[in-house]
Structures are given as C-alpha cells and as structure tokens.
Amino acid sequence: MRRGVRRRSPGLLGLAIVHALVTAHGGRMELRSEPGKGCRFRVLSPLLRIET
C-alpha cells in the first residue's frame, strides 16, 4: 500500500447501506463494542400492523 493512502474496509460501506435502509423504514441500529472481543450490531425495526 502506498504511503498516505488509507484503505477502507468493504464492511463499512455495507453497514452504511444497512443503516440507511433501516432508518428510512423507521428503525434504528445499535452497536456494542468490547475491546478484544469485537462488535455486536443490532437492527431494530418497527412492527407493521395490517388491518383486515
């Protein structure tokens, strides 16, 4: 890798897309990070009620 050029993880773009989709539908994402153990992401979305 050339000096001064940062390489981004492809996973970051995926998370940005998921976040955009989730928030566009009224949901949210949560992140929990523990040093040495990794990260946990939760996707929370509202329920859709269909009247019959």
C-alpha atoms as a PDB file:
ATOM      1  CA  MET A   1       0.000   0.000   0.000  1.00  0.00           C
ATOM      2  CA  ARG A   2       1.256   3.462  -0.832  1.00  0.00           C
ATOM      3  CA  ARG A   3       2.163   5.790   1.993  1.00  0.00           C
ATOM      4  CA  GLY A   4      -0.610   8.235   2.887  1.00  0.00           C
ATOM      5  CA  VAL A   5      -3.354   6.196   1.232  1.00  0.00           C
ATOM      6  CA  ARG A   6      -5.920   4.753   3.603  1.00  0.00           C
ATOM      7  CA  ARG A   7      -7.671   1.576   2.640  1.00  0.00           C
ATOM      8  CA  ARG A   8     -11.226   1.229   3.880  1.00  0.00           C
ATOM      9  CA  SER A   9     -12.873  -1.993   4.895  1.00  0.00           C
ATOM     10  CA  PRO A  10     -15.630  -3.117   2.486  1.00  0.00           C
ATOM     11  CA  GLY A  11     -17.745  -3.876   5.573  1.00  0.00           C
ATOM     12  CA  LEU A  12     -18.037  -0.185   6.374  1.00  0.00           C
ATOM     13  CA  LEU A  13     -19.873   0.513   3.142  1.00  0.00           C
ATOM     14  CA  GLY A  14     -22.223  -2.387   3.849  1.00  0.00           C
ATOM     15  CA  LEU A  15     -23.023  -1.013   7.307  1.00  0.00           C
ATOM     16  CA  ALA A  16     -23.685   2.428   5.860  1.00  0.00           C
ATOM     17  CA  ILE A  17     -26.143   0.928   3.370  1.00  0.00           C
ATOM     18  CA  VAL A  18     -27.886  -1.143   6.047  1.00  0.00           C
ATOM     19  CA  HIS A  19     -28.117   1.921   8.322  1.00  0.00           C
ATOM     20  CA  ALA A  20     -29.658   3.988   5.522  1.00  0.00           C
ATOM     21  CA  LEU A  21     -32.252   1.292   4.771  1.00  0.00           C
ATOM     22  CA  VAL A  22     -33.112   0.698   8.431  1.00  0.00           C
ATOM     23  CA  THR A  23     -33.543   4.395   9.274  1.00  0.00           C
ATOM     24  CA  ALA A  24     -35.538   5.008   6.073  1.00  0.00           C
ATOM     25  CA  HIS A  25     -38.066   2.459   7.354  1.00  0.00           C
ATOM     26  CA  GLY A  26     -38.295   3.930  10.856  1.00  0.00           C
ATOM     27  CA  GLY A  27     -35.860   1.564  12.550  1.00  0.00           C
ATOM     28  CA  ARG A  28     -32.516   2.005  14.225  1.00  0.00           C
ATOM     29  CA  MET A  29     -29.193   0.247  14.696  1.00  0.00           C
ATOM     30  CA  GLU A  30     -27.312  -0.304  17.940  1.00  0.00           C
ATOM     31  CA  LEU A  31     -23.616  -1.046  18.349  1.00  0.00           C
ATOM     32  CA  ARG A  32     -21.923  -2.702  21.292  1.00  0.00           C
ATOM     33  CA  SER A  33     -18.144  -2.978  21.211  1.00  0.00           C
ATOM     34  CA  GLU A  34     -15.905  -4.824  23.660  1.00  0.00           C
ATOM     35  CA  PRO A  35     -12.136  -4.407  23.291  1.00  0.00           C
ATOM     36  CA  GLY A  36     -10.538  -7.696  22.349  1.00  0.00           C
ATOM     37  CA  LYS A  37     -13.920  -9.336  21.721  1.00  0.00           C
ATOM     38  CA  GLY A  38     -15.319  -7.454  18.725  1.00  0.00           C
ATOM     39  CA  CYS A  39     -18.562  -5.664  17.932  1.00  0.00           C
ATOM     40  CA  ARG A  40     -22.217  -6.610  18.015  1.00  0.00           C
ATOM     41  CA  PHE A  41     -24.736  -4.827  15.822  1.00  0.00           C
ATOM     42  CA  ARG A  42     -28.482  -4.976  16.407  1.00  0.00           C
ATOM     43  CA  VAL A  43     -31.059  -3.919  13.852  1.00  0.00           C
ATOM     44  CA  LEU A  44     -34.378  -2.840  15.342  1.00  0.00           C
ATOM     45  CA  SER A  45     -37.367  -2.256  13.107  1.00  0.00           C
ATOM     46  CA  PRO A  46     -40.948  -1.288  13.929  1.00  0.00           C
ATOM     47  CA  LEU A  47     -43.765  -3.768  13.509  1.00  0.00           C
ATOM     48  CA  LEU A  48     -46.181  -3.267  10.682  1.00  0.00           C
ATOM     49  CA  ARG A  49     -49.821  -3.763  11.546  1.00  0.00           C
ATOM     50  CA  ILE A  50     -52.194  -4.664   8.764  1.00  0.00           C
ATOM     51  CA  GLU A  51     -55.872  -4.052   9.426  1.00  0.00           C
ATOM     52  CA  THR A  52     -58.224  -6.651   7.922  1.00  0.00           C
END
